[in-house]
Amino acid sequence: MPAIRVLNTARAQEITQKNLSQAELMNNLNQDFMTAFKDKNVENGVIFAGEDVNLIHQKQSAQQIINELAQGLEK
């Protein structure tokens, strides 16, 4: 099974506690992702993420991120 990374939400934690087959796991993840996307309910859904998601420690606007990147370039 390929590595799948998701945000640490309540629903993701709930799914990991179940003893699911690969097919059941993928079905749950896909359904929960679509539900979270459709309902705009990130906290109770499954949101796929990249391997460096653990490097994010705070919520920031796009403008804040761009400002930080620009400040880093100036140094």
C-alpha atoms as a PDB file:
ATOM      1  CA  MET A   1       0.000   0.000   0.000  1.00  0.00           C
ATOM      2  CA  PRO A   2       1.390   3.425  -0.833  1.00  0.00           C
ATOM      3  CA  ALA A   3       2.100   5.838   1.982  1.00  0.00           C
ATOM      4  CA  ILE A   4      -0.821   8.179   2.569  1.00  0.00           C
ATOM      5  CA  ARG A   5      -0.488  11.280   4.693  1.00  0.00           C
ATOM      6  CA  VAL A   6      -3.473  13.130   6.096  1.00  0.00           C
ATOM      7  CA  LEU A   7      -3.980  15.961   8.539  1.00  0.00           C
ATOM      8  CA  ASN A   8      -4.404  14.891  12.154  1.00  0.00           C
ATOM      9  CA  THR A   9      -8.155  15.340  12.478  1.00  0.00           C
ATOM     10  CA  ALA A  10     -10.591  13.577  14.798  1.00  0.00           C
ATOM     11  CA  ARG A  11     -11.910  11.514  11.883  1.00  0.00           C
ATOM     12  CA  ALA A  12      -8.414  10.489  10.780  1.00  0.00           C
ATOM     13  CA  GLN A  13      -7.654   9.333  14.322  1.00  0.00           C
ATOM     14  CA  GLU A  14     -10.910   7.379  14.419  1.00  0.00           C
ATOM     15  CA  ILE A  15     -10.108   5.577  11.168  1.00  0.00           C
ATOM     16  CA  THR A  16      -6.623   4.604  12.346  1.00  0.00           C
ATOM     17  CA  GLN A  17      -8.131   2.855  15.372  1.00  0.00           C
ATOM     18  CA  LYS A  18     -10.115   0.486  13.137  1.00  0.00           C
ATOM     19  CA  ASN A  19      -8.643  -2.723  11.768  1.00  0.00           C
ATOM     20  CA  LEU A  20      -9.568  -2.137   8.121  1.00  0.00           C
ATOM     21  CA  SER A  21      -8.445  -3.941   5.006  1.00  0.00           C
ATOM     22  CA  GLN A  22      -6.617  -1.879   2.400  1.00  0.00           C
ATOM     23  CA  ALA A  23      -9.777  -1.645   0.279  1.00  0.00           C
ATOM     24  CA  GLU A  24     -11.912  -0.595   3.268  1.00  0.00           C
ATOM     25  CA  LEU A  25      -9.320   1.969   4.325  1.00  0.00           C
ATOM     26  CA  MET A  26      -9.125   3.511   0.864  1.00  0.00           C
ATOM     27  CA  ASN A  27     -12.915   3.576   0.591  1.00  0.00           C
ATOM     28  CA  ASN A  28     -13.217   5.322   3.982  1.00  0.00           C
ATOM     29  CA  LEU A  29     -10.521   7.847   3.114  1.00  0.00           C
ATOM     30  CA  ASN A  30     -12.035   8.687  -0.251  1.00  0.00           C
ATOM     31  CA  GLN A  31     -15.574   9.022   1.114  1.00  0.00           C
ATOM     32  CA  ASP A  32     -14.451  11.126   4.082  1.00  0.00           C
ATOM     33  CA  PHE A  33     -12.352  13.370   1.857  1.00  0.00           C
ATOM     34  CA  MET A  34     -15.304  14.045  -0.442  1.00  0.00           C
ATOM     35  CA  THR A  35     -17.583  14.693   2.546  1.00  0.00           C
ATOM     36  CA  ALA A  36     -15.083  17.120   4.085  1.00  0.00           C
ATOM     37  CA  PHE A  37     -14.645  18.873   0.737  1.00  0.00           C
ATOM     38  CA  LYS A  38     -18.357  19.094  -0.028  1.00  0.00           C
ATOM     39  CA  ASP A  39     -19.384  20.162   3.498  1.00  0.00           C
ATOM     40  CA  LYS A  40     -16.279  22.349   4.030  1.00  0.00           C
ATOM     41  CA  ASN A  41     -15.760  20.480   7.284  1.00  0.00           C
ATOM     42  CA  VAL A  42     -12.015  20.082   7.671  1.00  0.00           C
ATOM     43  CA  GLU A  43     -12.078  19.309  11.390  1.00  0.00           C
ATOM     44  CA  ASN A  44     -14.268  16.212  11.043  1.00  0.00           C
ATOM     45  CA  GLY A  45     -13.023  14.989   7.686  1.00  0.00           C
ATOM     46  CA  VAL A  46      -9.975  13.454   6.102  1.00  0.00           C
ATOM     47  CA  ILE A  47      -7.685  15.916   4.346  1.00  0.00           C
ATOM     48  CA  PHE A  48      -4.766  14.550   2.343  1.00  0.00           C
ATOM     49  CA  ALA A  49      -1.418  16.258   2.887  1.00  0.00           C
ATOM     50  CA  GLY A  50       2.157  16.108   1.634  1.00  0.00           C
ATOM     51  CA  GLU A  51       5.076  14.544   3.442  1.00  0.00           C
ATOM     52  CA  ASP A  52       6.231  17.857   4.939  1.00  0.00           C
ATOM     53  CA  VAL A  53       2.900  18.708   6.545  1.00  0.00           C
ATOM     54  CA  ASN A  54       4.493  18.129   9.962  1.00  0.00           C
ATOM     55  CA  LEU A  55       6.638  21.232   9.371  1.00  0.00           C
ATOM     56  CA  ILE A  56       3.570  23.476   9.616  1.00  0.00           C
ATOM     57  CA  HIS A  57       3.131  24.778  13.147  1.00  0.00           C
ATOM     58  CA  GLN A  58       0.703  27.671  12.737  1.00  0.00           C
ATOM     59  CA  LYS A  59      -2.107  28.916  10.530  1.00  0.00           C
ATOM     60  CA  GLN A  60      -1.122  31.815   8.299  1.00  0.00           C
ATOM     61  CA  SER A  61      -2.707  33.721   5.470  1.00  0.00           C
ATOM     62  CA  ALA A  62      -1.147  33.549   2.026  1.00  0.00           C
ATOM     63  CA  GLN A  63      -0.052  37.174   2.484  1.00  0.00           C
ATOM     64  CA  GLN A  64       1.801  36.334   5.717  1.00  0.00           C
ATOM     65  CA  ILE A  65       3.609  33.453   4.026  1.00  0.00           C
ATOM     66  CA  ILE A  66       4.633  35.625   1.065  1.00  0.00           C
ATOM     67  CA  ASN A  67       5.847  38.354   3.418  1.00  0.00           C
ATOM     68  CA  GLU A  68       7.993  35.853   5.327  1.00  0.00           C
ATOM     69  CA  LEU A  69       9.438  34.488   2.089  1.00  0.00           C
ATOM     70  CA  ALA A  70      10.200  38.023   0.867  1.00  0.00           C
ATOM     71  CA  GLN A  71      11.915  38.882   4.172  1.00  0.00           C
ATOM     72  CA  GLY A  72      14.040  35.764   3.815  1.00  0.00           C
ATOM     73  CA  LEU A  73      15.142  36.817   0.350  1.00  0.00           C
ATOM     74  CA  GLU A  74      16.155  40.259   1.600  1.00  0.00           C
ATOM     75  CA  LYS A  75      18.546  38.791   4.160  1.00  0.00           C
END
